[in-house]
PDB file of N, CA and C in Angstrom:
ATOM      1  N   MET A   1      -8.249  -9.344   5.148  1.00  0.00           N
ATOM      2  CA  MET A   1      -8.179  -8.323   4.049  1.00  0.00           C
ATOM      3  C   MET A   1      -8.975  -7.141   4.573  1.00  0.00           C
ATOM      4  N   TYR A   2     -10.039  -7.335   5.350  1.00  0.00           N
ATOM      5  CA  TYR A   2     -11.108  -6.472   5.542  1.00  0.00           C
ATOM      6  C   TYR A   2     -10.271  -5.413   6.767  1.00  0.00           C
ATOM      7  N   LYS A   3      -9.547  -6.043   7.628  1.00  0.00           N
ATOM      8  CA  LYS A   3      -8.830  -5.047   8.547  1.00  0.00           C
ATOM      9  C   LYS A   3      -7.870  -4.194   7.849  1.00  0.00           C
ATOM     10  N   PHE A   4      -7.121  -4.666   6.783  1.00  0.00           N
ATOM     11  CA  PHE A   4      -6.215  -4.091   6.095  1.00  0.00           C
ATOM     12  C   PHE A   4      -6.954  -2.931   5.325  1.00  0.00           C
ATOM     13  N   LEU A   5      -7.766  -3.251   4.728  1.00  0.00           N
ATOM     14  CA  LEU A   5      -8.503  -2.213   3.976  1.00  0.00           C
ATOM     15  C   LEU A   5      -9.184  -0.963   4.805  1.00  0.00           C
ATOM     16  N   SER A   6      -9.706  -1.528   6.017  1.00  0.00           N
ATOM     17  CA  SER A   6     -10.224  -0.656   6.966  1.00  0.00           C
ATOM     18  C   SER A   6      -9.447   0.392   7.532  1.00  0.00           C
ATOM     19  N   LEU A   7      -8.128  -0.038   7.692  1.00  0.00           N
ATOM     20  CA  LEU A   7      -7.100   0.762   8.314  1.00  0.00           C
ATOM     21  C   LEU A   7      -6.449   1.727   7.299  1.00  0.00           C
ATOM     22  N   LEU A   8      -6.585   1.399   5.920  1.00  0.00           N
ATOM     23  CA  LEU A   8      -6.222   2.428   4.887  1.00  0.00           C
ATOM     24  C   LEU A   8      -7.242   3.384   5.038  1.00  0.00           C
ATOM     25  N   GLY A   9      -8.483   3.209   5.120  1.00  0.00           N
ATOM     26  CA  GLY A   9      -9.630   4.251   5.140  1.00  0.00           C
ATOM     27  C   GLY A   9      -9.247   5.233   6.277  1.00  0.00           C
ATOM     28  N   LEU A  10      -8.903   4.698   7.496  1.00  0.00           N
ATOM     29  CA  LEU A  10      -8.529   5.450   8.631  1.00  0.00           C
ATOM     30  C   LEU A  10      -7.357   6.212   8.439  1.00  0.00           C
ATOM     31  N   CYS A  11      -6.255   5.740   7.681  1.00  0.00           N
ATOM     32  CA  CYS A  11      -5.167   6.575   7.247  1.00  0.00           C
ATOM     33  C   CYS A  11      -5.448   7.754   6.445  1.00  0.00           C
ATOM     34  N   LYS A  12      -6.588   7.465   5.518  1.00  0.00           N
ATOM     35  CA  LYS A  12      -7.027   8.582   4.672  1.00  0.00           C
ATOM     36  C   LYS A  12      -7.710   9.628   5.579  1.00  0.00           C
ATOM     37  N   ARG A  13      -8.583   9.272   6.243  1.00  0.00           N
ATOM     38  CA  ARG A  13      -9.211  10.217   7.205  1.00  0.00           C
ATOM     39  C   ARG A  13      -8.342  11.113   8.049  1.00  0.00           C
ATOM     40  N   ALA A  14      -7.095  10.416   8.358  1.00  0.00           N
ATOM     41  CA  ALA A  14      -6.206  11.068   9.401  1.00  0.00           C
ATOM     42  C   ALA A  14      -5.060  11.861   8.298  1.00  0.00           C
ATOM     43  N   GLY A  15      -5.384  11.725   7.169  1.00  0.00           N
ATOM     44  CA  GLY A  15      -4.499  12.664   6.337  1.00  0.00           C
ATOM     45  C   GLY A  15      -3.038  12.045   6.292  1.00  0.00           C
ATOM     46  N   LYS A  16      -2.820  10.715   6.542  1.00  0.00           N
ATOM     47  CA  LYS A  16      -1.475  10.089   6.566  1.00  0.00           C
ATOM     48  C   LYS A  16      -1.131   9.200   5.348  1.00  0.00           C
ATOM     49  N   LEU A  17      -1.874   9.398   4.367  1.00  0.00           N
ATOM     50  CA  LEU A  17      -1.480   8.677   2.943  1.00  0.00           C
ATOM     51  C   LEU A  17      -1.343   9.600   1.891  1.00  0.00           C
ATOM     52  N   ALA A  18      -0.723   9.161   0.736  1.00  0.00           N
ATOM     53  CA  ALA A  18      -0.382   9.888  -0.454  1.00  0.00           C
ATOM     54  C   ALA A  18      -1.130   8.763  -1.470  1.00  0.00           C
ATOM     55  N   ALA A  19      -2.106   9.090  -2.282  1.00  0.00           N
ATOM     56  CA  ALA A  19      -2.794   7.976  -3.178  1.00  0.00           C
ATOM     57  C   ALA A  19      -2.533   8.577  -4.647  1.00  0.00           C
ATOM     58  N   GLY A  20      -2.263   7.584  -5.448  1.00  0.00           N
ATOM     59  CA  GLY A  20      -2.000   7.856  -6.791  1.00  0.00           C
ATOM     60  C   GLY A  20      -0.644   7.840  -6.977  1.00  0.00           C
ATOM     61  N   GLU A  21      -0.123   7.812  -8.445  1.00  0.00           N
ATOM     62  CA  GLU A  21       1.156   7.730  -8.703  1.00  0.00           C
ATOM     63  C   GLU A  21       1.778   9.107  -8.580  1.00  0.00           C
ATOM     64  N   VAL A  22       1.248  10.289  -8.896  1.00  0.00           N
ATOM     65  CA  VAL A  22       2.033  11.371  -8.608  1.00  0.00           C
ATOM     66  C   VAL A  22       2.218  11.793  -7.195  1.00  0.00           C
ATOM     67  N   ALA A  23       1.296  11.630  -6.319  1.00  0.00           N
ATOM     68  CA  ALA A  23       1.333  11.922  -4.831  1.00  0.00           C
ATOM     69  C   ALA A  23       2.353  11.011  -4.262  1.00  0.00           C
ATOM     70  N   ALA A  24       2.011   9.752  -4.603  1.00  0.00           N
ATOM     71  CA  ALA A  24       2.837   8.710  -3.982  1.00  0.00           C
ATOM     72  C   ALA A  24       4.430   9.059  -4.254  1.00  0.00           C
ATOM     73  N   GLU A  25       4.638   9.272  -5.509  1.00  0.00           N
ATOM     74  CA  GLU A  25       6.015   9.512  -6.058  1.00  0.00           C
ATOM     75  C   GLU A  25       6.714  10.673  -5.137  1.00  0.00           C
ATOM     76  N   GLN A  26       5.745  11.932  -5.147  1.00  0.00           N
ATOM     77  CA  GLN A  26       6.211  13.151  -4.237  1.00  0.00           C
ATOM     78  C   GLN A  26       6.503  12.728  -2.990  1.00  0.00           C
ATOM     79  N   ALA A  27       5.754  11.794  -2.183  1.00  0.00           N
ATOM     80  CA  ALA A  27       5.905  11.466  -0.839  1.00  0.00           C
ATOM     81  C   ALA A  27       7.277  10.759  -0.868  1.00  0.00           C
ATOM     82  N   VAL A  28       7.635   9.809  -1.725  1.00  0.00           N
ATOM     83  CA  VAL A  28       8.552   8.974  -1.612  1.00  0.00           C
ATOM     84  C   VAL A  28       9.878   9.844  -1.912  1.00  0.00           C
ATOM     85  N   ARG A  29       9.933  10.888  -2.832  1.00  0.00           N
ATOM     86  CA  ARG A  29      11.005  11.593  -3.106  1.00  0.00           C
ATOM     87  C   ARG A  29      11.510  12.497  -1.971  1.00  0.00           C
ATOM     88  N   LYS A  30      10.254  12.902  -1.189  1.00  0.00           N
ATOM     89  CA  LYS A  30      10.403  13.950  -0.139  1.00  0.00           C
ATOM     90  C   LYS A  30      10.920  13.282   1.129  1.00  0.00           C
ATOM     91  N   LYS A  31      10.966  12.022   1.039  1.00  0.00           N
ATOM     92  CA  LYS A  31      11.155  11.069   2.218  1.00  0.00           C
ATOM     93  C   LYS A  31      10.160  11.118   3.398  1.00  0.00           C
ATOM     94  N   GLN A  32       8.974  11.275   2.831  1.00  0.00           N
ATOM     95  CA  GLN A  32       7.885  11.271   3.752  1.00  0.00           C
ATOM     96  C   GLN A  32       6.992   9.931   3.848  1.00  0.00           C
ATOM     97  N   ALA A  33       7.413   9.044   2.960  1.00  0.00           N
ATOM     98  CA  ALA A  33       6.745   7.779   3.005  1.00  0.00           C
ATOM     99  C   ALA A  33       7.460   6.627   3.798  1.00  0.00           C
ATOM    100  N   TYR A  34       6.698   5.816   4.529  1.00  0.00           N
ATOM    101  CA  TYR A  34       7.186   4.898   5.347  1.00  0.00           C
ATOM    102  C   TYR A  34       7.033   3.466   4.749  1.00  0.00           C
ATOM    103  N   LEU A  35       5.792   3.354   3.819  1.00  0.00           N
ATOM    104  CA  LEU A  35       5.419   2.100   3.285  1.00  0.00           C
ATOM    105  C   LEU A  35       4.637   2.448   1.734  1.00  0.00           C
ATOM    106  N   LEU A  36       4.854   1.447   0.932  1.00  0.00           N
ATOM    107  CA  LEU A  36       4.268   1.708  -0.361  1.00  0.00           C
ATOM    108  C   LEU A  36       3.310   0.504  -0.457  1.00  0.00           C
ATOM    109  N   ILE A  37       2.127   0.690  -0.779  1.00  0.00           N
ATOM    110  CA  ILE A  37       1.120  -0.230  -1.038  1.00  0.00           C
ATOM    111  C   ILE A  37       0.840  -0.364  -2.638  1.00  0.00           C
ATOM    112  N   LEU A  38       1.102  -1.384  -3.293  1.00  0.00           N
ATOM    113  CA  LEU A  38       0.726  -1.514  -4.700  1.00  0.00           C
ATOM    114  C   LEU A  38      -0.216  -2.545  -4.986  1.00  0.00           C
ATOM    115  N   SER A  39      -1.132  -2.004  -5.967  1.00  0.00           N
ATOM    116  CA  SER A  39      -2.109  -3.086  -6.089  1.00  0.00           C
ATOM    117  C   SER A  39      -1.749  -4.170  -6.991  1.00  0.00           C
ATOM    118  N   GLU A  40      -2.485  -5.501  -6.919  1.00  0.00           N
ATOM    119  CA  GLU A  40      -1.930  -6.655  -7.322  1.00  0.00           C
ATOM    120  C   GLU A  40      -2.168  -6.445  -8.891  1.00  0.00           C
ATOM    121  N   ASP A  41      -3.041  -5.592  -9.515  1.00  0.00           N
ATOM    122  CA  ASP A  41      -3.303  -5.526 -11.057  1.00  0.00           C
ATOM    123  C   ASP A  41      -2.858  -4.087 -11.427  1.00  0.00           C
ATOM    124  N   ALA A  42      -1.849  -3.682 -10.904  1.00  0.00           N
ATOM    125  CA  ALA A  42      -1.228  -2.396 -11.455  1.00  0.00           C
ATOM    126  C   ALA A  42      -0.478  -2.737 -12.703  1.00  0.00           C
ATOM    127  N   SER A  43      -0.263  -1.718 -13.534  1.00  0.00           N
ATOM    128  CA  SER A  43       0.569  -2.148 -14.776  1.00  0.00           C
ATOM    129  C   SER A  43       1.955  -2.496 -14.495  1.00  0.00           C
ATOM    130  N   LYS A  44       2.636  -3.151 -15.524  1.00  0.00           N
ATOM    131  CA  LYS A  44       3.960  -3.538 -15.348  1.00  0.00           C
ATOM    132  C   LYS A  44       4.728  -2.408 -15.162  1.00  0.00           C
ATOM    133  N   ASN A  45       4.497  -1.064 -15.886  1.00  0.00           N
ATOM    134  CA  ASN A  45       5.194  -0.014 -15.621  1.00  0.00           C
ATOM    135  C   ASN A  45       5.385   0.616 -14.329  1.00  0.00           C
ATOM    136  N   THR A  46       4.138   0.694 -13.664  1.00  0.00           N
ATOM    137  CA  THR A  46       3.740   0.999 -12.420  1.00  0.00           C
ATOM    138  C   THR A  46       4.532   0.347 -11.479  1.00  0.00           C
ATOM    139  N   LYS A  47       4.434  -0.994 -11.517  1.00  0.00           N
ATOM    140  CA  LYS A  47       5.102  -2.127 -10.634  1.00  0.00           C
ATOM    141  C   LYS A  47       6.496  -1.739 -10.630  1.00  0.00           C
ATOM    142  N   LYS A  48       7.234  -1.807 -11.968  1.00  0.00           N
ATOM    143  CA  LYS A  48       8.575  -1.571 -12.051  1.00  0.00           C
ATOM    144  C   LYS A  48       8.947  -0.241 -11.391  1.00  0.00           C
ATOM    145  N   LYS A  49       8.228   0.795 -11.840  1.00  0.00           N
ATOM    146  CA  LYS A  49       8.717   2.209 -11.232  1.00  0.00           C
ATOM    147  C   LYS A  49       8.791   2.278  -9.740  1.00  0.00           C
ATOM    148  N   PHE A  50       7.663   1.730  -9.137  1.00  0.00           N
ATOM    149  CA  PHE A  50       7.636   1.908  -7.565  1.00  0.00           C
ATOM    150  C   PHE A  50       8.332   0.608  -6.795  1.00  0.00           C
ATOM    151  N   THR A  51       8.610  -0.460  -7.488  1.00  0.00           N
ATOM    152  CA  THR A  51       9.478  -1.503  -6.986  1.00  0.00           C
ATOM    153  C   THR A  51      10.907  -0.785  -6.992  1.00  0.00           C
ATOM    154  N   ASN A  52      11.425  -0.226  -7.998  1.00  0.00           N
ATOM    155  CA  ASN A  52      12.674   0.315  -8.121  1.00  0.00           C
ATOM    156  C   ASN A  52      12.809   1.574  -7.034  1.00  0.00           C
ATOM    157  N   SER A  53      11.699   2.427  -6.844  1.00  0.00           N
ATOM    158  CA  SER A  53      11.796   3.539  -6.068  1.00  0.00           C
ATOM    159  C   SER A  53      11.801   2.999  -4.619  1.00  0.00           C
ATOM    160  N   ALA A  54      11.150   1.876  -4.146  1.00  0.00           N
ATOM    161  CA  ALA A  54      11.133   1.254  -2.758  1.00  0.00           C
ATOM    162  C   ALA A  54      12.554   0.802  -2.591  1.00  0.00           C
ATOM    163  N   ALA A  55      13.301   0.059  -3.567  1.00  0.00           N
ATOM    164  CA  ALA A  55      14.649  -0.322  -3.488  1.00  0.00           C
ATOM    165  C   ALA A  55      15.664   0.857  -3.223  1.00  0.00           C
ATOM    166  N   TYR A  56      15.431   1.663  -4.048  1.00  0.00           N
ATOM    167  CA  TYR A  56      16.289   2.861  -3.848  1.00  0.00           C
ATOM    168  C   TYR A  56      16.212   3.571  -2.618  1.00  0.00           C
ATOM    169  N   TYR A  57      15.066   3.974  -2.033  1.00  0.00           N
ATOM    170  CA  TYR A  57      14.673   4.674  -1.009  1.00  0.00           C
ATOM    171  C   TYR A  57      14.816   3.738   0.228  1.00  0.00           C
ATOM    172  N   GLU A  58      15.095   2.398   0.003  1.00  0.00           N
ATOM    173  CA  GLU A  58      14.852   1.574   1.229  1.00  0.00           C
ATOM    174  C   GLU A  58      13.510   1.488   1.894  1.00  0.00           C
ATOM    175  N   LEU A  59      12.323   1.554   1.168  1.00  0.00           N
ATOM    176  CA  LEU A  59      11.126   1.630   1.664  1.00  0.00           C
ATOM    177  C   LEU A  59      10.499  -0.076   1.542  1.00  0.00           C
ATOM    178  N   PRO A  60       9.654  -0.377   2.498  1.00  0.00           N
ATOM    179  CA  PRO A  60       8.942  -1.522   2.419  1.00  0.00           C
ATOM    180  C   PRO A  60       7.864  -1.473   1.429  1.00  0.00           C
ATOM    181  N   LEU A  61       7.467  -2.498   0.635  1.00  0.00           N
ATOM    182  CA  LEU A  61       6.535  -2.444  -0.414  1.00  0.00           C
ATOM    183  C   LEU A  61       5.690  -3.711  -0.264  1.00  0.00           C
ATOM    184  N   ILE A  62       4.357  -3.488  -0.177  1.00  0.00           N
ATOM    185  CA  ILE A  62       3.324  -4.412  -0.211  1.00  0.00           C
ATOM    186  C   ILE A  62       2.609  -4.379  -1.373  1.00  0.00           C
ATOM    187  N   GLU A  63       2.409  -5.721  -1.969  1.00  0.00           N
ATOM    188  CA  GLU A  63       1.528  -5.837  -3.013  1.00  0.00           C
ATOM    189  C   GLU A  63      -0.006  -6.528  -2.561  1.00  0.00           C
ATOM    190  N   ALA A  64      -1.054  -5.687  -2.450  1.00  0.00           N
ATOM    191  CA  ALA A  64      -2.213  -6.123  -1.843  1.00  0.00           C
ATOM    192  C   ALA A  64      -3.337  -5.443  -2.513  1.00  0.00           C
ATOM    193  N   GLY A  65      -4.388  -6.211  -2.731  1.00  0.00           N
ATOM    194  CA  GLY A  65      -5.757  -5.835  -3.202  1.00  0.00           C
ATOM    195  C   GLY A  65      -5.768  -5.295  -4.672  1.00  0.00           C
ATOM    196  N   THR A  66      -6.917  -5.031  -5.133  1.00  0.00           N
ATOM    197  CA  THR A  66      -6.928  -4.713  -6.523  1.00  0.00           C
ATOM    198  C   THR A  66      -6.982  -3.039  -6.476  1.00  0.00           C
ATOM    199  N   LYS A  67      -6.816  -2.551  -7.706  1.00  0.00           N
ATOM    200  CA  LYS A  67      -7.185  -1.072  -7.806  1.00  0.00           C
ATOM    201  C   LYS A  67      -8.400  -0.577  -7.210  1.00  0.00           C
ATOM    202  N   GLN A  68      -9.210  -1.324  -7.557  1.00  0.00           N
ATOM    203  CA  GLN A  68     -10.699  -0.906  -7.147  1.00  0.00           C
ATOM    204  C   GLN A  68     -10.827  -1.081  -5.529  1.00  0.00           C
ATOM    205  N   GLU A  69     -10.347  -2.084  -5.086  1.00  0.00           N
ATOM    206  CA  GLU A  69     -10.442  -2.404  -3.720  1.00  0.00           C
ATOM    207  C   GLU A  69      -9.567  -1.241  -2.701  1.00  0.00           C
ATOM    208  N   LEU A  70      -8.205  -0.806  -3.439  1.00  0.00           N
ATOM    209  CA  LEU A  70      -7.626   0.043  -2.661  1.00  0.00           C
ATOM    210  C   LEU A  70      -8.419   1.431  -2.789  1.00  0.00           C
ATOM    211  N   GLY A  71      -8.802   1.662  -3.994  1.00  0.00           N
ATOM    212  CA  GLY A  71      -9.549   2.931  -4.197  1.00  0.00           C
ATOM    213  C   GLY A  71     -10.874   3.245  -3.415  1.00  0.00           C
ATOM    214  N   ARG A  72     -11.699   2.100  -3.089  1.00  0.00           N
ATOM    215  CA  ARG A  72     -12.851   1.987  -2.267  1.00  0.00           C
ATOM    216  C   ARG A  72     -12.471   2.080  -0.889  1.00  0.00           C
ATOM    217  N   ALA A  73     -11.441   1.673  -0.559  1.00  0.00           N
ATOM    218  CA  ALA A  73     -10.906   1.573   0.879  1.00  0.00           C
ATOM    219  C   ALA A  73     -10.687   3.238   1.358  1.00  0.00           C
ATOM    220  N   ILE A  74     -10.361   3.959   0.457  1.00  0.00           N
ATOM    221  CA  ILE A  74      -9.925   5.346   0.679  1.00  0.00           C
ATOM    222  C   ILE A  74     -11.012   6.379   0.277  1.00  0.00           C
ATOM    223  N   GLY A  75     -12.146   5.724  -0.280  1.00  0.00           N
ATOM    224  CA  GLY A  75     -13.177   6.623  -0.645  1.00  0.00           C
ATOM    225  C   GLY A  75     -12.838   7.482  -1.946  1.00  0.00           C
ATOM    226  N   ALA A  76     -12.017   6.689  -2.928  1.00  0.00           N
ATOM    227  CA  ALA A  76     -11.691   7.296  -4.264  1.00  0.00           C
ATOM    228  C   ALA A  76     -11.737   6.514  -5.392  1.00  0.00           C
ATOM    229  N   ASP A  77     -11.773   6.895  -6.474  1.00  0.00           N
ATOM    230  CA  ASP A  77     -11.653   6.038  -7.704  1.00  0.00           C
ATOM    231  C   ASP A  77     -10.474   5.202  -7.611  1.00  0.00           C
ATOM    232  N   MET A  78     -10.224   4.206  -8.516  1.00  0.00           N
ATOM    233  CA  MET A  78      -9.219   3.239  -8.596  1.00  0.00           C
ATOM    234  C   MET A  78      -7.844   3.650  -8.270  1.00  0.00           C
ATOM    235  N   ARG A  79      -7.000   3.327  -7.572  1.00  0.00           N
ATOM    236  CA  ARG A  79      -5.755   3.580  -7.063  1.00  0.00           C
ATOM    237  C   ARG A  79      -4.721   2.435  -7.154  1.00  0.00           C
ATOM    238  N   SER A  80      -3.620   2.607  -8.065  1.00  0.00           N
ATOM    239  CA  SER A  80      -2.664   1.805  -8.249  1.00  0.00           C
ATOM    240  C   SER A  80      -1.623   1.621  -6.958  1.00  0.00           C
ATOM    241  N   ILE A  81      -1.424   2.698  -6.433  1.00  0.00           N
ATOM    242  CA  ILE A  81      -0.299   2.885  -5.485  1.00  0.00           C
ATOM    243  C   ILE A  81      -0.667   3.957  -4.471  1.00  0.00           C
ATOM    244  N   ILE A  82      -0.318   3.383  -3.099  1.00  0.00           N
ATOM    245  CA  ILE A  82      -0.616   4.276  -2.096  1.00  0.00           C
ATOM    246  C   ILE A  82       0.634   4.366  -1.208  1.00  0.00           C
ATOM    247  N   ALA A  83       1.022   5.588  -0.761  1.00  0.00           N
ATOM    248  CA  ALA A  83       2.089   5.779   0.140  1.00  0.00           C
ATOM    249  C   ALA A  83       1.696   6.110   1.592  1.00  0.00           C
ATOM    250  N   ILE A  84       2.018   5.469   2.577  1.00  0.00           N
ATOM    251  CA  ILE A  84       1.707   5.750   3.946  1.00  0.00           C
ATOM    252  C   ILE A  84       2.555   6.709   4.441  1.00  0.00           C
ATOM    253  N   THR A  85       2.426   7.755   5.008  1.00  0.00           N
ATOM    254  CA  THR A  85       3.375   8.804   5.438  1.00  0.00           C
ATOM    255  C   THR A  85       3.334   8.982   7.133  1.00  0.00           C
ATOM    256  N   GLU A  86       2.873   7.924   7.772  1.00  0.00           N
ATOM    257  CA  GLU A  86       3.005   7.918   9.210  1.00  0.00           C
ATOM    258  C   GLU A  86       3.581   6.648   9.712  1.00  0.00           C
ATOM    259  N   GLU A  87       4.489   6.586  10.329  1.00  0.00           N
ATOM    260  CA  GLU A  87       5.114   5.283  10.825  1.00  0.00           C
ATOM    261  C   GLU A  87       4.438   4.196  11.474  1.00  0.00           C
ATOM    262  N   GLY A  88       3.546   4.604  12.486  1.00  0.00           N
ATOM    263  CA  GLY A  88       2.682   3.830  13.257  1.00  0.00           C
ATOM    264  C   GLY A  88       1.581   3.021  12.327  1.00  0.00           C
ATOM    265  N   PHE A  89       0.971   3.845  11.457  1.00  0.00           N
ATOM    266  CA  PHE A  89       0.189   3.262  10.681  1.00  0.00           C
ATOM    267  C   PHE A  89       0.863   2.104   9.433  1.00  0.00           C
ATOM    268  N   ALA A  90       2.169   2.675   9.295  1.00  0.00           N
ATOM    269  CA  ALA A  90       2.765   1.785   8.157  1.00  0.00           C
ATOM    270  C   ALA A  90       3.246   0.405   8.949  1.00  0.00           C
ATOM    271  N   LYS A  91       3.555   0.472  10.256  1.00  0.00           N
ATOM    272  CA  LYS A  91       3.931  -0.632  10.925  1.00  0.00           C
ATOM    273  C   LYS A  91       2.756  -1.603  11.218  1.00  0.00           C
ATOM    274  N   LYS A  92       1.529  -1.109  11.298  1.00  0.00           N
ATOM    275  CA  LYS A  92       0.333  -1.761  11.561  1.00  0.00           C
ATOM    276  C   LYS A  92      -0.019  -2.467  10.160  1.00  0.00           C
ATOM    277  N   LEU A  93      -0.052  -1.830   9.117  1.00  0.00           N
ATOM    278  CA  LEU A  93      -0.384  -2.371   7.969  1.00  0.00           C
ATOM    279  C   LEU A  93       0.381  -3.362   7.443  1.00  0.00           C
ATOM    280  N   ARG A  94       1.917  -3.234   7.760  1.00  0.00           N
ATOM    281  CA  ARG A  94       2.795  -4.337   7.267  1.00  0.00           C
ATOM    282  C   ARG A  94       2.457  -5.585   8.228  1.00  0.00           C
ATOM    283  N   GLN A  95       2.121  -5.401   9.381  1.00  0.00           N
ATOM    284  CA  GLN A  95       1.674  -6.646  10.467  1.00  0.00           C
ATOM    285  C   GLN A  95       0.487  -7.411   9.665  1.00  0.00           C
ATOM    286  N   LEU A  96      -0.627  -6.417   9.418  1.00  0.00           N
ATOM    287  CA  LEU A  96      -1.900  -7.119   8.792  1.00  0.00           C
ATOM    288  C   LEU A  96      -1.691  -7.721   7.602  1.00  0.00           C
ATOM    289  N   ALA A  97      -0.737  -7.175   6.728  1.00  0.00           N
ATOM    290  CA  ALA A  97      -0.501  -7.898   5.408  1.00  0.00           C
ATOM    291  C   ALA A  97       0.387  -9.102   5.691  1.00  0.00           C
ATOM    292  N   GLU A  98       1.065  -9.232   6.684  1.00  0.00           N
ATOM    293  CA  GLU A  98       1.998 -10.401   6.842  1.00  0.00           C
ATOM    294  C   GLU A  98       0.975 -11.566   7.416  1.00  0.00           C
ATOM    295  N   GLU A  99       0.065 -11.083   8.199  1.00  0.00           N
ATOM    296  CA  GLU A  99      -1.126 -12.084   8.807  1.00  0.00           C
ATOM    297  C   GLU A  99      -1.972 -12.631   7.582  1.00  0.00           C
ATOM    298  N   ILE A 100      -2.241 -11.726   6.499  1.00  0.00           N
ATOM    299  CA  ILE A 100      -2.985 -12.109   5.360  1.00  0.00           C
ATOM    300  C   ILE A 100      -2.196 -13.223   4.558  1.00  0.00           C
ATOM    301  N   ILE A 101      -0.777 -13.025   4.486  1.00  0.00           N
ATOM    302  CA  ILE A 101      -0.053 -14.001   3.670  1.00  0.00           C
ATOM    303  C   ILE A 101       0.021 -15.274   4.423  1.00  0.00           C
ATOM    304  N   GLU A 102       0.201 -15.128   5.736  1.00  0.00           N
ATOM    305  CA  GLU A 102       0.216 -16.442   6.363  1.00  0.00           C
ATOM    306  C   GLU A 102      -1.137 -17.225   6.376  1.00  0.00           C
ATOM    307  N   ASN A 103      -2.197 -16.485   6.289  1.00  0.00           N
ATOM    308  CA  ASN A 103      -3.372 -17.223   6.385  1.00  0.00           C
ATOM    309  C   ASN A 103      -3.567 -17.709   5.005  1.00  0.00           C
ATOM    310  N   ARG A 104      -3.079 -17.049   3.889  1.00  0.00           N
ATOM    311  CA  ARG A 104      -3.383 -17.766   2.518  1.00  0.00           C
ATOM    312  C   ARG A 104      -2.391 -18.850   2.540  1.00  0.00           C
ATOM    313  N   THR A 105      -1.251 -18.871   3.149  1.00  0.00           N
ATOM    314  CA  THR A 105      -0.247 -19.827   2.997  1.00  0.00           C
ATOM    315  C   THR A 105      -1.064 -21.215   3.801  1.00  0.00           C
ATOM    316  N   LYS A 106      -1.435 -21.086   4.961  1.00  0.00           N
ATOM    317  CA  LYS A 106      -2.251 -22.084   5.669  1.00  0.00           C
ATOM    318  C   LYS A 106      -3.035 -22.850   4.995  1.00  0.00           C
ATOM    319  N   VAL A 107      -4.119 -21.887   4.501  1.00  0.00           N
ATOM    320  CA  VAL A 107      -5.207 -22.415   3.589  1.00  0.00           C
ATOM    321  C   VAL A 107      -4.847 -23.160   2.293  1.00  0.00           C
ATOM    322  N   GLY A 108      -3.860 -22.623   1.606  1.00  0.00           N
ATOM    323  CA  GLY A 108      -3.262 -23.303   0.449  1.00  0.00           C
ATOM    324  C   GLY A 108      -2.468 -24.476   0.798  1.00  0.00           C
ATOM    325  N   GLY A 109      -1.901 -24.676   1.771  1.00  0.00           N
ATOM    326  CA  GLY A 109      -1.118 -25.653   2.227  1.00  0.00           C
ATOM    327  C   GLY A 109      -1.881 -27.127   2.496  1.00  0.00           C
ATOM    328  N   ASP A 110      -3.119 -26.708   3.056  1.00  0.00           N
ATOM    329  CA  ASP A 110      -4.024 -27.906   3.676  1.00  0.00           C
ATOM    330  C   ASP A 110      -4.595 -28.731   2.527  1.00  0.00           C
TER     331      ASP A 110
END
């Protein structure tokens, strides 16, 4: 999870993400988003809204971290949703998220 959150911080410094509901929604509608990252503790309404948006615009969506973890990673207050606006970062974040899921499955399976 550390590498994932560190890369989010790098995305922020590079100006390649939109954080928060309004900014993320604008990035999605303008077709600038390549990946949506939703906090695990986001409200039901936020989860539904962005799950529907991801399906409609055919965007990958990852549910990872808490609002506080996502916010801290990008040097901001709590954030429920982050849109990644650069394809390379989006690809690497998806890869890291898959590794996290694999590791959790291995640990839980033993």
